[in-house]
Amino acid sequence: MTTALLDNNKHPASHNVVVAPAVGAFMGKLPYILEPALHPNHRQFFHGMTVLTLLYAGLLKAYRWSLEEPFEKFMRGMMLICGGAYLRHLICDASTPKALPLVGKF
């Protein structure tokens, strides 16, 4: 939701008050869908620092994307909301005693 509020190039569909939180909630849980927390050492590739770094670089590129078409605005908004939610999940996990692995296993 924060990403939707801070975005200067809003699109009515991707920045809708229902769509943005729903998509953000799903994407914030995606790491646990990809790597279920079945044991304390469940964090592997999709919970890794490598993914966090690549995601951050992708978000910066999406944020700087110059827009012309409405579809581009929609896609940019969705990228920022999805990436921001996933990134927030990884940052919260990084602050725990187990932290994040550098790469992890596939």
PDB file of N, CA and C in Angstrom:
ATOM      1  N   MET A   1       0.826  -1.187   0.000  1.00  0.00           N
ATOM      2  CA  MET A   1       0.000   0.000   0.000  1.00  0.00           C
ATOM      3  C   MET A   1       0.870   1.250   0.000  1.00  0.00           C
ATOM      4  N   THR A   2       1.982   1.213   0.711  1.00  0.00           N
ATOM      5  CA  THR A   2       2.884   2.363   0.764  1.00  0.00           C
ATOM      6  C   THR A   2       3.399   2.708  -0.623  1.00  0.00           C
ATOM      7  N   THR A   3       3.725   1.667  -1.398  1.00  0.00           N
ATOM      8  CA  THR A   3       4.227   1.882  -2.755  1.00  0.00           C
ATOM      9  C   THR A   3       3.188   2.620  -3.586  1.00  0.00           C
ATOM     10  N   ALA A   4       1.953   2.230  -3.469  1.00  0.00           N
ATOM     11  CA  ALA A   4       0.885   2.881  -4.233  1.00  0.00           C
ATOM     12  C   ALA A   4       0.733   4.342  -3.825  1.00  0.00           C
ATOM     13  N   LEU A   5       0.901   4.628  -2.567  1.00  0.00           N
ATOM     14  CA  LEU A   5       0.763   6.012  -2.096  1.00  0.00           C
ATOM     15  C   LEU A   5       1.924   6.899  -2.536  1.00  0.00           C
ATOM     16  N   LEU A   6       3.135   6.336  -2.598  1.00  0.00           N
ATOM     17  CA  LEU A   6       4.314   7.126  -2.938  1.00  0.00           C
ATOM     18  C   LEU A   6       4.548   7.281  -4.433  1.00  0.00           C
ATOM     19  N   ASP A   7       3.859   6.509  -5.248  1.00  0.00           N
ATOM     20  CA  ASP A   7       4.057   6.541  -6.697  1.00  0.00           C
ATOM     21  C   ASP A   7       3.486   7.823  -7.294  1.00  0.00           C
ATOM     22  N   ASN A   8       4.301   8.511  -8.090  1.00  0.00           N
ATOM     23  CA  ASN A   8       3.867   9.754  -8.730  1.00  0.00           C
ATOM     24  C   ASN A   8       3.071   9.517 -10.002  1.00  0.00           C
ATOM     25  N   ASN A   9       3.294   8.402 -10.676  1.00  0.00           N
ATOM     26  CA  ASN A   9       2.625   8.090 -11.941  1.00  0.00           C
ATOM     27  C   ASN A   9       1.569   7.017 -11.722  1.00  0.00           C
ATOM     28  N   LYS A  10       0.525   7.368 -11.025  1.00  0.00           N
ATOM     29  CA  LYS A  10      -0.510   6.410 -10.651  1.00  0.00           C
ATOM     30  C   LYS A  10      -1.373   6.010 -11.845  1.00  0.00           C
ATOM     31  N   HIS A  11      -1.834   4.768 -11.799  1.00  0.00           N
ATOM     32  CA  HIS A  11      -2.785   4.269 -12.777  1.00  0.00           C
ATOM     33  C   HIS A  11      -4.039   3.845 -12.013  1.00  0.00           C
ATOM     34  N   PRO A  12      -5.229   4.166 -12.514  1.00  0.00           N
ATOM     35  CA  PRO A  12      -6.459   3.873 -11.770  1.00  0.00           C
ATOM     36  C   PRO A  12      -6.645   2.400 -11.410  1.00  0.00           C
ATOM     37  N   ALA A  13      -6.172   1.479 -12.244  1.00  0.00           N
ATOM     38  CA  ALA A  13      -6.381   0.051 -11.951  1.00  0.00           C
ATOM     39  C   ALA A  13      -5.373  -0.474 -10.944  1.00  0.00           C
ATOM     40  N   SER A  14      -4.091  -0.193 -11.157  1.00  0.00           N
ATOM     41  CA  SER A  14      -3.067  -0.751 -10.267  1.00  0.00           C
ATOM     42  C   SER A  14      -3.005  -0.027  -8.932  1.00  0.00           C
ATOM     43  N   HIS A  15      -3.519   1.183  -8.861  1.00  0.00           N
ATOM     44  CA  HIS A  15      -3.483   1.959  -7.616  1.00  0.00           C
ATOM     45  C   HIS A  15      -4.867   2.094  -6.984  1.00  0.00           C
ATOM     46  N   ASN A  16      -5.729   1.162  -7.298  1.00  0.00           N
ATOM     47  CA  ASN A  16      -7.065   1.105  -6.722  1.00  0.00           C
ATOM     48  C   ASN A  16      -6.954   0.722  -5.248  1.00  0.00           C
ATOM     49  N   VAL A  17      -7.824   1.264  -4.399  1.00  0.00           N
ATOM     50  CA  VAL A  17      -7.759   1.007  -2.955  1.00  0.00           C
ATOM     51  C   VAL A  17      -8.085  -0.445  -2.599  1.00  0.00           C
ATOM     52  N   VAL A  18      -8.628  -1.210  -3.518  1.00  0.00           N
ATOM     53  CA  VAL A  18      -8.888  -2.623  -3.279  1.00  0.00           C
ATOM     54  C   VAL A  18      -7.790  -3.477  -3.916  1.00  0.00           C
ATOM     55  N   VAL A  19      -7.410  -3.136  -5.136  1.00  0.00           N
ATOM     56  CA  VAL A  19      -6.440  -3.934  -5.889  1.00  0.00           C
ATOM     57  C   VAL A  19      -5.055  -3.873  -5.255  1.00  0.00           C
ATOM     58  N   ALA A  20      -4.566  -2.692  -4.941  1.00  0.00           N
ATOM     59  CA  ALA A  20      -3.199  -2.544  -4.427  1.00  0.00           C
ATOM     60  C   ALA A  20      -2.979  -3.331  -3.127  1.00  0.00           C
ATOM     61  N   PRO A  21      -3.841  -3.218  -2.114  1.00  0.00           N
ATOM     62  CA  PRO A  21      -3.613  -4.017  -0.906  1.00  0.00           C
ATOM     63  C   PRO A  21      -3.758  -5.524  -1.138  1.00  0.00           C
ATOM     64  N   ALA A  22      -4.677  -5.935  -2.006  1.00  0.00           N
ATOM     65  CA  ALA A  22      -4.862  -7.367  -2.261  1.00  0.00           C
ATOM     66  C   ALA A  22      -3.633  -7.955  -2.953  1.00  0.00           C
ATOM     67  N   VAL A  23      -3.139  -7.265  -3.963  1.00  0.00           N
ATOM     68  CA  VAL A  23      -1.945  -7.729  -4.668  1.00  0.00           C
ATOM     69  C   VAL A  23      -0.737  -7.693  -3.734  1.00  0.00           C
ATOM     70  N   GLY A  24      -0.609  -6.629  -2.951  1.00  0.00           N
ATOM     71  CA  GLY A  24       0.496  -6.518  -2.006  1.00  0.00           C
ATOM     72  C   GLY A  24       0.466  -7.609  -0.953  1.00  0.00           C
ATOM     73  N   ALA A  25      -0.718  -7.958  -0.460  1.00  0.00           N
ATOM     74  CA  ALA A  25      -0.837  -9.016   0.550  1.00  0.00           C
ATOM     75  C   ALA A  25      -0.421 -10.363  -0.031  1.00  0.00           C
ATOM     76  N   PHE A  26      -0.848 -10.638  -1.255  1.00  0.00           N
ATOM     77  CA  PHE A  26      -0.452 -11.901  -1.888  1.00  0.00           C
ATOM     78  C   PHE A  26       1.053 -11.949  -2.120  1.00  0.00           C
ATOM     79  N   MET A  27       1.606 -10.880  -2.655  1.00  0.00           N
ATOM     80  CA  MET A  27       3.040 -10.874  -2.963  1.00  0.00           C
ATOM     81  C   MET A  27       3.894 -10.883  -1.697  1.00  0.00           C
ATOM     82  N   GLY A  28       3.385 -10.352  -0.616  1.00  0.00           N
ATOM     83  CA  GLY A  28       4.114 -10.404   0.645  1.00  0.00           C
ATOM     84  C   GLY A  28       4.188 -11.816   1.202  1.00  0.00           C
ATOM     85  N   LYS A  29       3.245 -12.670   0.809  1.00  0.00           N
ATOM     86  CA  LYS A  29       3.242 -14.063   1.253  1.00  0.00           C
ATOM     87  C   LYS A  29       3.873 -14.999   0.236  1.00  0.00           C
ATOM     88  N   LEU A  30       4.205 -14.507  -0.941  1.00  0.00           N
ATOM     89  CA  LEU A  30       4.761 -15.348  -1.999  1.00  0.00           C
ATOM     90  C   LEU A  30       6.033 -16.089  -1.582  1.00  0.00           C
ATOM     91  N   PRO A  31       6.958 -15.476  -0.840  1.00  0.00           N
ATOM     92  CA  PRO A  31       8.137 -16.259  -0.434  1.00  0.00           C
ATOM     93  C   PRO A  31       7.768 -17.507   0.362  1.00  0.00           C
ATOM     94  N   TYR A  32       6.718 -17.437   1.182  1.00  0.00           N
ATOM     95  CA  TYR A  32       6.297 -18.614   1.940  1.00  0.00           C
ATOM     96  C   TYR A  32       5.520 -19.606   1.079  1.00  0.00           C
ATOM     97  N   ILE A  33       4.967 -19.156  -0.010  1.00  0.00           N
ATOM     98  CA  ILE A  33       4.329 -20.081  -0.945  1.00  0.00           C
ATOM     99  C   ILE A  33       5.407 -20.836  -1.715  1.00  0.00           C
ATOM    100  N   LEU A  34       6.463 -20.119  -2.124  1.00  0.00           N
ATOM    101  CA  LEU A  34       7.565 -20.742  -2.864  1.00  0.00           C
ATOM    102  C   LEU A  34       8.421 -21.629  -1.974  1.00  0.00           C
ATOM    103  N   GLU A  35       8.643 -21.210  -0.725  1.00  0.00           N
ATOM    104  CA  GLU A  35       9.437 -21.967   0.242  1.00  0.00           C
ATOM    105  C   GLU A  35       8.689 -22.014   1.572  1.00  0.00           C
ATOM    106  N   PRO A  36       7.802 -22.991   1.734  1.00  0.00           N
ATOM    107  CA  PRO A  36       6.996 -23.058   2.959  1.00  0.00           C
ATOM    108  C   PRO A  36       7.860 -23.162   4.219  1.00  0.00           C
ATOM    109  N   ALA A  37       7.399 -22.554   5.283  1.00  0.00           N
ATOM    110  CA  ALA A  37       8.125 -22.544   6.555  1.00  0.00           C
ATOM    111  C   ALA A  37       7.840 -23.835   7.316  1.00  0.00           C
ATOM    112  N   LEU A  38       8.338 -24.951   6.800  1.00  0.00           N
ATOM    113  CA  LEU A  38       8.111 -26.247   7.417  1.00  0.00           C
ATOM    114  C   LEU A  38       9.133 -26.556   8.509  1.00  0.00           C
ATOM    115  N   HIS A  39      10.275 -25.891   8.463  1.00  0.00           N
ATOM    116  CA  HIS A  39      11.324 -26.089   9.461  1.00  0.00           C
ATOM    117  C   HIS A  39      12.116 -24.792   9.597  1.00  0.00           C
ATOM    118  N   PRO A  40      12.937 -24.635  10.638  1.00  0.00           N
ATOM    119  CA  PRO A  40      13.644 -23.361  10.880  1.00  0.00           C
ATOM    120  C   PRO A  40      14.614 -22.948   9.771  1.00  0.00           C
ATOM    121  N   ASN A  41      15.104 -23.921   9.004  1.00  0.00           N
ATOM    122  CA  ASN A  41      16.057 -23.603   7.931  1.00  0.00           C
ATOM    123  C   ASN A  41      15.412 -23.627   6.554  1.00  0.00           C
ATOM    124  N   HIS A  42      14.176 -23.164   6.459  1.00  0.00           N
ATOM    125  CA  HIS A  42      13.452 -23.197   5.189  1.00  0.00           C
ATOM    126  C   HIS A  42      13.926 -22.134   4.209  1.00  0.00           C
ATOM    127  N   ARG A  43      14.618 -21.134   4.678  1.00  0.00           N
ATOM    128  CA  ARG A  43      15.009 -20.027   3.802  1.00  0.00           C
ATOM    129  C   ARG A  43      16.116 -20.455   2.856  1.00  0.00           C
ATOM    130  N   GLN A  44      15.795 -20.468   1.580  1.00  0.00           N
ATOM    131  CA  GLN A  44      16.763 -20.851   0.562  1.00  0.00           C
ATOM    132  C   GLN A  44      16.834 -19.744  -0.487  1.00  0.00           C
ATOM    133  N   PHE A  45      16.783 -20.079  -1.756  1.00  0.00           N
ATOM    134  CA  PHE A  45      17.003 -19.108  -2.831  1.00  0.00           C
ATOM    135  C   PHE A  45      16.015 -17.952  -2.811  1.00  0.00           C
ATOM    136  N   PHE A  46      14.726 -18.228  -2.699  1.00  0.00           N
ATOM    137  CA  PHE A  46      13.720 -17.168  -2.779  1.00  0.00           C
ATOM    138  C   PHE A  46      13.651 -16.313  -1.518  1.00  0.00           C
ATOM    139  N   HIS A  47      14.397 -16.712  -0.492  1.00  0.00           N
ATOM    140  CA  HIS A  47      14.556 -15.919   0.728  1.00  0.00           C
ATOM    141  C   HIS A  47      15.996 -15.417   0.841  1.00  0.00           C
ATOM    142  N   GLY A  48      16.726 -15.357  -0.253  1.00  0.00           N
ATOM    143  CA  GLY A  48      18.153 -15.037  -0.207  1.00  0.00           C
ATOM    144  C   GLY A  48      18.481 -13.577  -0.466  1.00  0.00           C
ATOM    145  N   MET A  49      19.701 -13.218  -0.065  1.00  0.00           N
ATOM    146  CA  MET A  49      20.198 -11.856  -0.294  1.00  0.00           C
ATOM    147  C   MET A  49      20.340 -11.559  -1.787  1.00  0.00           C
ATOM    148  N   THR A  50      20.623 -12.592  -2.581  1.00  0.00           N
ATOM    149  CA  THR A  50      20.738 -12.399  -4.027  1.00  0.00           C
ATOM    150  C   THR A  50      19.407 -11.937  -4.607  1.00  0.00           C
ATOM    151  N   VAL A  51      18.326 -12.589  -4.220  1.00  0.00           N
ATOM    152  CA  VAL A  51      16.994 -12.191  -4.697  1.00  0.00           C
ATOM    153  C   VAL A  51      16.659 -10.794  -4.198  1.00  0.00           C
ATOM    154  N   LEU A  52      16.991 -10.502  -2.948  1.00  0.00           N
ATOM    155  CA  LEU A  52      16.735  -9.178  -2.383  1.00  0.00           C
ATOM    156  C   LEU A  52      17.451  -8.099  -3.196  1.00  0.00           C
ATOM    157  N   THR A  53      18.708  -8.330  -3.531  1.00  0.00           N
ATOM    158  CA  THR A  53      19.492  -7.356  -4.300  1.00  0.00           C
ATOM    159  C   THR A  53      18.934  -7.177  -5.706  1.00  0.00           C
ATOM    160  N   LEU A  54      18.625  -8.281  -6.377  1.00  0.00           N
ATOM    161  CA  LEU A  54      18.070  -8.198  -7.730  1.00  0.00           C
ATOM    162  C   LEU A  54      16.705  -7.517  -7.737  1.00  0.00           C
ATOM    163  N   LEU A  55      15.909  -7.818  -6.738  1.00  0.00           N
ATOM    164  CA  LEU A  55      14.586  -7.201  -6.616  1.00  0.00           C
ATOM    165  C   LEU A  55      14.702  -5.697  -6.397  1.00  0.00           C
ATOM    166  N   TYR A  56      15.623  -5.296  -5.543  1.00  0.00           N
ATOM    167  CA  TYR A  56      15.844  -3.868  -5.290  1.00  0.00           C
ATOM    168  C   TYR A  56      16.278  -3.149  -6.573  1.00  0.00           C
ATOM    169  N   ALA A  57      17.203  -3.762  -7.322  1.00  0.00           N
ATOM    170  CA  ALA A  57      17.665  -3.154  -8.587  1.00  0.00           C
ATOM    171  C   ALA A  57      16.508  -3.047  -9.580  1.00  0.00           C
ATOM    172  N   GLY A  58      15.675  -4.077  -9.649  1.00  0.00           N
ATOM    173  CA  GLY A  58      14.522  -4.039 -10.543  1.00  0.00           C
ATOM    174  C   GLY A  58      13.508  -2.981 -10.148  1.00  0.00           C
ATOM    175  N   LEU A  59      13.296  -2.806  -8.846  1.00  0.00           N
ATOM    176  CA  LEU A  59      12.373  -1.774  -8.378  1.00  0.00           C
ATOM    177  C   LEU A  59      12.875  -0.379  -8.712  1.00  0.00           C
ATOM    178  N   LEU A  60      14.170  -0.153  -8.568  1.00  0.00           N
ATOM    179  CA  LEU A  60      14.724   1.158  -8.943  1.00  0.00           C
ATOM    180  C   LEU A  60      14.524   1.429 -10.428  1.00  0.00           C
ATOM    181  N   LYS A  61      14.753   0.415 -11.255  1.00  0.00           N
ATOM    182  CA  LYS A  61      14.563   0.572 -12.701  1.00  0.00           C
ATOM    183  C   LYS A  61      13.091   0.845 -13.032  1.00  0.00           C
ATOM    184  N   ALA A  62      12.188   0.129 -12.379  1.00  0.00           N
ATOM    185  CA  ALA A  62      10.755   0.344 -12.611  1.00  0.00           C
ATOM    186  C   ALA A  62      10.329   1.737 -12.143  1.00  0.00           C
ATOM    187  N   TYR A  63      10.866   2.182 -11.017  1.00  0.00           N
ATOM    188  CA  TYR A  63      10.506   3.506 -10.504  1.00  0.00           C
ATOM    189  C   TYR A  63      10.941   4.616 -11.459  1.00  0.00           C
ATOM    190  N   ARG A  64      12.072   4.428 -12.120  1.00  0.00           N
ATOM    191  CA  ARG A  64      12.603   5.442 -13.053  1.00  0.00           C
ATOM    192  C   ARG A  64      12.063   5.295 -14.470  1.00  0.00           C
ATOM    193  N   TRP A  65      11.223   4.320 -14.716  1.00  0.00           N
ATOM    194  CA  TRP A  65      10.676   4.044 -16.038  1.00  0.00           C
ATOM    195  C   TRP A  65       9.843   5.233 -16.491  1.00  0.00           C
ATOM    196  N   SER A  66      10.191   5.810 -17.662  1.00  0.00           N
ATOM    197  CA  SER A  66       9.402   6.927 -18.194  1.00  0.00           C
ATOM    198  C   SER A  66       8.196   6.349 -18.931  1.00  0.00           C
ATOM    199  N   LEU A  67       7.041   6.882 -18.627  1.00  0.00           N
ATOM    200  CA  LEU A  67       5.785   6.302 -19.094  1.00  0.00           C
ATOM    201  C   LEU A  67       5.143   7.134 -20.180  1.00  0.00           C
ATOM    202  N   GLU A  68       4.480   6.433 -21.086  1.00  0.00           N
ATOM    203  CA  GLU A  68       3.731   7.120 -22.125  1.00  0.00           C
ATOM    204  C   GLU A  68       2.320   6.563 -22.251  1.00  0.00           C
ATOM    205  N   GLU A  69       2.207   5.261 -22.303  1.00  0.00           N
ATOM    206  CA  GLU A  69       0.919   4.598 -22.524  1.00  0.00           C
ATOM    207  C   GLU A  69       0.255   4.223 -21.204  1.00  0.00           C
ATOM    208  N   PRO A  70      -1.067   4.146 -21.170  1.00  0.00           N
ATOM    209  CA  PRO A  70      -1.773   3.713 -19.951  1.00  0.00           C
ATOM    210  C   PRO A  70      -1.369   2.307 -19.499  1.00  0.00           C
ATOM    211  N   PHE A  71      -1.125   1.395 -20.451  1.00  0.00           N
ATOM    212  CA  PHE A  71      -0.714   0.046 -20.081  1.00  0.00           C
ATOM    213  C   PHE A  71       0.639   0.058 -19.380  1.00  0.00           C
ATOM    214  N   GLU A  72       1.545   0.935 -19.827  1.00  0.00           N
ATOM    215  CA  GLU A  72       2.852   1.057 -19.182  1.00  0.00           C
ATOM    216  C   GLU A  72       2.692   1.550 -17.740  1.00  0.00           C
ATOM    217  N   LYS A  73       1.790   2.498 -17.525  1.00  0.00           N
ATOM    218  CA  LYS A  73       1.530   2.983 -16.170  1.00  0.00           C
ATOM    219  C   LYS A  73       0.981   1.864 -15.297  1.00  0.00           C
ATOM    220  N   PHE A  74       0.081   1.063 -15.856  1.00  0.00           N
ATOM    221  CA  PHE A  74      -0.487  -0.064 -15.115  1.00  0.00           C
ATOM    222  C   PHE A  74       0.606  -1.066 -14.745  1.00  0.00           C
ATOM    223  N   MET A  75       1.418  -1.452 -15.724  1.00  0.00           N
ATOM    224  CA  MET A  75       2.472  -2.445 -15.476  1.00  0.00           C
ATOM    225  C   MET A  75       3.502  -1.925 -14.473  1.00  0.00           C
ATOM    226  N   ARG A  76       3.852  -0.663 -14.577  1.00  0.00           N
ATOM    227  CA  ARG A  76       4.812  -0.071 -13.648  1.00  0.00           C
ATOM    228  C   ARG A  76       4.251  -0.094 -12.226  1.00  0.00           C
ATOM    229  N   GLY A  77       2.997   0.270 -12.089  1.00  0.00           N
ATOM    230  CA  GLY A  77       2.355   0.250 -10.778  1.00  0.00           C
ATOM    231  C   GLY A  77       2.311  -1.145 -10.185  1.00  0.00           C
ATOM    232  N   MET A  78       1.966  -2.121 -11.004  1.00  0.00           N
ATOM    233  CA  MET A  78       1.923  -3.500 -10.516  1.00  0.00           C
ATOM    234  C   MET A  78       3.316  -3.979 -10.127  1.00  0.00           C
ATOM    235  N   MET A  79       4.331  -3.637 -10.910  1.00  0.00           N
ATOM    236  CA  MET A  79       5.704  -4.030 -10.572  1.00  0.00           C
ATOM    237  C   MET A  79       6.136  -3.432  -9.239  1.00  0.00           C
ATOM    238  N   LEU A  80       5.823  -2.162  -9.035  1.00  0.00           N
ATOM    239  CA  LEU A  80       6.213  -1.510  -7.786  1.00  0.00           C
ATOM    240  C   LEU A  80       5.479  -2.097  -6.578  1.00  0.00           C
ATOM    241  N   ILE A  81       4.206  -2.371  -6.730  1.00  0.00           N
ATOM    242  CA  ILE A  81       3.425  -2.931  -5.626  1.00  0.00           C
ATOM    243  C   ILE A  81       3.884  -4.356  -5.319  1.00  0.00           C
ATOM    244  N   CYS A  82       4.013  -5.180  -6.354  1.00  0.00           N
ATOM    245  CA  CYS A  82       4.438  -6.570  -6.158  1.00  0.00           C
ATOM    246  C   CYS A  82       5.857  -6.642  -5.608  1.00  0.00           C
ATOM    247  N   GLY A  83       6.765  -5.927  -6.238  1.00  0.00           N
ATOM    248  CA  GLY A  83       8.160  -5.949  -5.799  1.00  0.00           C
ATOM    249  C   GLY A  83       8.336  -5.367  -4.414  1.00  0.00           C
ATOM    250  N   GLY A  84       7.596  -4.305  -4.109  1.00  0.00           N
ATOM    251  CA  GLY A  84       7.697  -3.688  -2.792  1.00  0.00           C
ATOM    252  C   GLY A  84       7.223  -4.614  -1.684  1.00  0.00           C
ATOM    253  N   ALA A  85       6.158  -5.364  -1.931  1.00  0.00           N
ATOM    254  CA  ALA A  85       5.637  -6.301  -0.926  1.00  0.00           C
ATOM    255  C   ALA A  85       6.612  -7.451  -0.701  1.00  0.00           C
ATOM    256  N   TYR A  86       7.153  -8.005  -1.781  1.00  0.00           N
ATOM    257  CA  TYR A  86       8.115  -9.104  -1.661  1.00  0.00           C
ATOM    258  C   TYR A  86       9.380  -8.611  -0.954  1.00  0.00           C
ATOM    259  N   LEU A  87       9.847  -7.417  -1.327  1.00  0.00           N
ATOM    260  CA  LEU A  87      11.038  -6.838  -0.704  1.00  0.00           C
ATOM    261  C   LEU A  87      10.814  -6.598   0.787  1.00  0.00           C
ATOM    262  N   ARG A  88       9.662  -6.115   1.160  1.00  0.00           N
ATOM    263  CA  ARG A  88       9.345  -5.868   2.563  1.00  0.00           C
ATOM    264  C   ARG A  88       9.377  -7.173   3.362  1.00  0.00           C
ATOM    265  N   HIS A  89       8.894  -8.261   2.761  1.00  0.00           N
ATOM    266  CA  HIS A  89       8.946  -9.566   3.414  1.00  0.00           C
ATOM    267  C   HIS A  89      10.401  -9.970   3.666  1.00  0.00           C
ATOM    268  N   LEU A  90      11.246  -9.813   2.653  1.00  0.00           N
ATOM    269  CA  LEU A  90      12.648 -10.206   2.809  1.00  0.00           C
ATOM    270  C   LEU A  90      13.371  -9.332   3.827  1.00  0.00           C
ATOM    271  N   ILE A  91      13.069  -8.059   3.860  1.00  0.00           N
ATOM    272  CA  ILE A  91      13.705  -7.166   4.834  1.00  0.00           C
ATOM    273  C   ILE A  91      13.299  -7.558   6.250  1.00  0.00           C
ATOM    274  N   CYS A  92      12.032  -7.901   6.450  1.00  0.00           N
ATOM    275  CA  CYS A  92      11.589  -8.353   7.779  1.00  0.00           C
ATOM    276  C   CYS A  92      12.293  -9.653   8.162  1.00  0.00           C
ATOM    277  N   ASP A  93      12.418 -10.580   7.227  1.00  0.00           N
ATOM    278  CA  ASP A  93      13.118 -11.835   7.516  1.00  0.00           C
ATOM    279  C   ASP A  93      14.595 -11.601   7.794  1.00  0.00           C
ATOM    280  N   ALA A  94      15.196 -10.635   7.132  1.00  0.00           N
ATOM    281  CA  ALA A  94      16.623 -10.348   7.335  1.00  0.00           C
ATOM    282  C   ALA A  94      16.893  -9.824   8.739  1.00  0.00           C
ATOM    283  N   SER A  95      15.888  -9.264   9.375  1.00  0.00           N
ATOM    284  CA  SER A  95      16.077  -8.698  10.709  1.00  0.00           C
ATOM    285  C   SER A  95      15.913  -9.732  11.832  1.00  0.00           C
ATOM    286  N   THR A  96      15.636 -10.989  11.484  1.00  0.00           N
ATOM    287  CA  THR A  96      15.494 -12.040  12.488  1.00  0.00           C
ATOM    288  C   THR A  96      16.853 -12.681  12.769  1.00  0.00           C
ATOM    289  N   PRO A  97      16.993 -13.439  13.858  1.00  0.00           N
ATOM    290  CA  PRO A  97      18.277 -14.091  14.158  1.00  0.00           C
ATOM    291  C   PRO A  97      18.777 -15.022  13.050  1.00  0.00           C
ATOM    292  N   LYS A  98      17.882 -15.692  12.322  1.00  0.00           N
ATOM    293  CA  LYS A  98      18.301 -16.580  11.220  1.00  0.00           C
ATOM    294  C   LYS A  98      18.765 -15.787   9.997  1.00  0.00           C
ATOM    295  N   ALA A  99      18.316 -14.548   9.861  1.00  0.00           N
ATOM    296  CA  ALA A  99      18.650 -13.667   8.731  1.00  0.00           C
ATOM    297  C   ALA A  99      18.327 -14.338   7.393  1.00  0.00           C
ATOM    298  N   LEU A 100      19.043 -13.939   6.347  1.00  0.00           N
ATOM    299  CA  LEU A 100      18.841 -14.496   5.009  1.00  0.00           C
ATOM    300  C   LEU A 100      20.127 -15.128   4.517  1.00  0.00           C
ATOM    301  N   PRO A 101      20.032 -16.251   3.772  1.00  0.00           N
ATOM    302  CA  PRO A 101      21.246 -16.815   3.175  1.00  0.00           C
ATOM    303  C   PRO A 101      21.702 -15.930   2.017  1.00  0.00           C
ATOM    304  N   LEU A 102      22.981 -16.022   1.693  1.00  0.00           N
ATOM    305  CA  LEU A 102      23.496 -15.229   0.571  1.00  0.00           C
ATOM    306  C   LEU A 102      22.823 -15.653  -0.734  1.00  0.00           C
ATOM    307  N   VAL A 103      22.859 -16.936  -1.022  1.00  0.00           N
ATOM    308  CA  VAL A 103      22.235 -17.446  -2.248  1.00  0.00           C
ATOM    309  C   VAL A 103      21.171 -18.470  -1.917  1.00  0.00           C
ATOM    310  N   GLY A 104      21.495 -19.494  -1.149  1.00  0.00           N
ATOM    311  CA  GLY A 104      20.558 -20.573  -0.841  1.00  0.00           C
ATOM    312  C   GLY A 104      20.514 -21.601  -1.950  1.00  0.00           C
ATOM    313  N   LYS A 105      19.745 -22.653  -1.741  1.00  0.00           N
ATOM    314  CA  LYS A 105      19.603 -23.730  -2.723  1.00  0.00           C
ATOM    315  C   LYS A 105      18.356 -23.499  -3.553  1.00  0.00           C
ATOM    316  N   PHE A 106      18.375 -24.013  -4.779  1.00  0.00           N
ATOM    317  CA  PHE A 106      17.188 -23.932  -5.651  1.00  0.00           C
ATOM    318  C   PHE A 106      16.200 -24.971  -5.260  1.00  0.00           C
TER     319      PHE A 106
END
